[in-house]
Amino acid sequence: MNGFAPPVLFDGTHLWSADLDALHTLAEKAGLKREWFQDNARHPHYDVTGASQRRKVLAVGVVFVGQRCLVNAIRLHRQHPACRRAVEAAGVKSTDPLDKETAPG
């Protein structure tokens, strides 16, 4: 283990990280309920909808990014072979035109 942990990114609405343990840890620190976790095979994330929730999330050390940056980070992560295998195993078909060569089927 190299000690590197991917950042937890937040675009003002969605809280995401390539590291689910880090994602859940920060979500818990921010007071987000585990049942708010969206266990989506393509991009597991938390939805953060209230202003007070947003303030709490920003206070626990997430990296605030624009929506386009978050989408690009998720796309880049999905290009990783282990992630592609997990998505394929879940039977998820991509509708993202950037995933043409990685889409299952």
Protein backbone atom coordinates (compact mmCIF):
# COMPACT_ATOMS: atom_id res chain seq x y z
CA MET A 1 0.00 0.00 0.00
CA ASN A 2 1.43 3.36 -0.98
CA GLY A 3 -0.58 5.50 1.45
CA PHE A 4 -2.29 7.42 -1.36
CA ALA A 5 -6.02 7.89 -1.09
CA PRO A 6 -8.03 9.38 -3.94
CA PRO A 7 -9.80 12.61 -2.99
CA VAL A 8 -13.49 12.82 -2.25
CA LEU A 9 -14.96 15.18 -4.83
CA PHE A 10 -18.07 17.34 -4.45
CA ASP A 11 -19.78 19.37 -7.18
CA GLY A 12 -22.40 20.96 -4.93
CA THR A 13 -24.87 18.10 -5.35
CA HIS A 14 -22.95 14.82 -5.68
CA LEU A 15 -20.28 13.43 -3.35
CA TRP A 16 -18.05 10.87 -5.08
CA SER A 17 -14.68 9.16 -4.76
CA ALA A 18 -12.88 6.28 -6.45
CA ASP A 19 -12.28 5.04 -2.89
CA LEU A 20 -15.60 3.95 -1.38
CA ASP A 21 -14.13 3.69 2.13
CA ALA A 22 -12.96 7.32 1.96
CA LEU A 23 -16.34 8.33 0.53
CA HIS A 24 -18.29 6.67 3.35
CA THR A 25 -15.91 8.01 6.02
CA LEU A 26 -16.27 11.62 4.87
CA ALA A 27 -20.01 11.23 4.40
CA GLU A 28 -20.30 9.97 7.97
CA LYS A 29 -18.18 12.87 9.28
CA ALA A 30 -20.50 15.27 7.44
CA GLY A 31 -23.57 13.64 8.99
CA LEU A 32 -24.90 12.07 5.81
CA LYS A 33 -27.03 8.98 6.33
CA ARG A 34 -25.80 5.74 4.77
CA GLU A 35 -29.24 5.16 3.21
CA TRP A 36 -28.62 8.30 1.09
CA PHE A 37 -25.81 6.46 -0.66
CA GLN A 38 -26.64 5.79 -4.31
CA ASP A 39 -25.12 2.35 -4.94
CA ASN A 40 -24.93 2.80 -8.69
CA ALA A 41 -22.48 0.47 -10.49
CA ARG A 42 -21.35 3.24 -12.87
CA HIS A 43 -20.87 6.00 -10.29
CA PRO A 44 -21.68 5.25 -6.66
CA HIS A 45 -22.24 8.54 -4.82
CA TYR A 46 -24.17 10.46 -2.20
CA ASP A 47 -26.74 13.06 -3.16
CA VAL A 48 -26.36 16.23 -1.10
CA THR A 49 -29.44 18.39 -1.46
CA GLY A 50 -29.81 20.73 1.51
CA ALA A 51 -27.84 23.91 2.17
CA SER A 52 -26.90 22.79 5.69
CA GLN A 53 -25.74 19.41 4.31
CA ARG A 54 -23.58 21.23 1.74
CA ARG A 55 -21.95 23.35 4.45
CA LYS A 56 -21.18 20.25 6.51
CA VAL A 57 -19.75 18.38 3.51
CA LEU A 58 -17.50 21.31 2.63
CA ALA A 59 -16.32 21.54 6.24
CA VAL A 60 -14.96 17.97 6.37
CA GLY A 61 -12.30 18.30 3.70
CA VAL A 62 -13.82 17.32 0.39
CA VAL A 63 -12.46 18.80 -2.82
CA PHE A 64 -15.02 21.14 -4.37
CA VAL A 65 -15.04 20.86 -8.15
CA GLY A 66 -17.29 21.89 -11.00
CA GLN A 67 -19.78 19.41 -12.41
CA ARG A 68 -17.73 18.90 -15.59
CA CYS A 69 -14.62 18.11 -13.53
CA LEU A 70 -16.55 15.55 -11.47
CA VAL A 71 -17.95 13.89 -14.59
CA ASN A 72 -14.46 13.74 -16.11
CA ALA A 73 -13.04 12.21 -12.92
CA ILE A 74 -15.74 9.52 -12.96
CA ARG A 75 -15.12 8.81 -16.64
CA LEU A 76 -11.38 8.55 -16.06
CA HIS A 77 -11.95 6.19 -13.15
CA ARG A 78 -14.25 4.00 -15.27
CA GLN A 79 -11.42 3.60 -17.78
CA HIS A 80 -9.40 1.72 -15.14
CA PRO A 81 -9.47 -2.03 -15.94
CA ALA A 82 -10.67 -3.09 -12.48
CA CYS A 83 -13.54 -0.61 -12.64
CA ARG A 84 -14.49 -1.74 -16.15
CA ARG A 85 -14.61 -5.37 -14.98
CA ALA A 86 -16.85 -4.44 -12.03
CA VAL A 87 -19.25 -2.51 -14.27
CA GLU A 88 -19.32 -5.36 -16.79
CA ALA A 89 -19.96 -7.89 -14.01
CA ALA A 90 -22.92 -5.79 -12.88
CA GLY A 91 -24.29 -5.95 -16.43
CA VAL A 92 -24.40 -2.19 -16.85
CA LYS A 93 -24.34 -0.93 -20.42
CA SER A 94 -22.87 2.49 -20.93
CA THR A 95 -24.71 5.20 -22.83
CA ASP A 96 -21.70 7.51 -22.54
CA PRO A 97 -20.21 8.06 -26.02
CA LEU A 98 -16.76 8.25 -24.43
CA ASP A 99 -17.17 4.68 -23.19
CA LYS A 100 -17.66 3.12 -26.64
CA GLU A 101 -14.61 0.89 -26.40
CA THR A 102 -15.27 0.07 -22.73
CA ALA A 103 -19.00 -0.60 -22.87
CA PRO A 104 -19.92 -4.25 -22.22
CA GLY A 105 -21.61 -6.24 -24.94
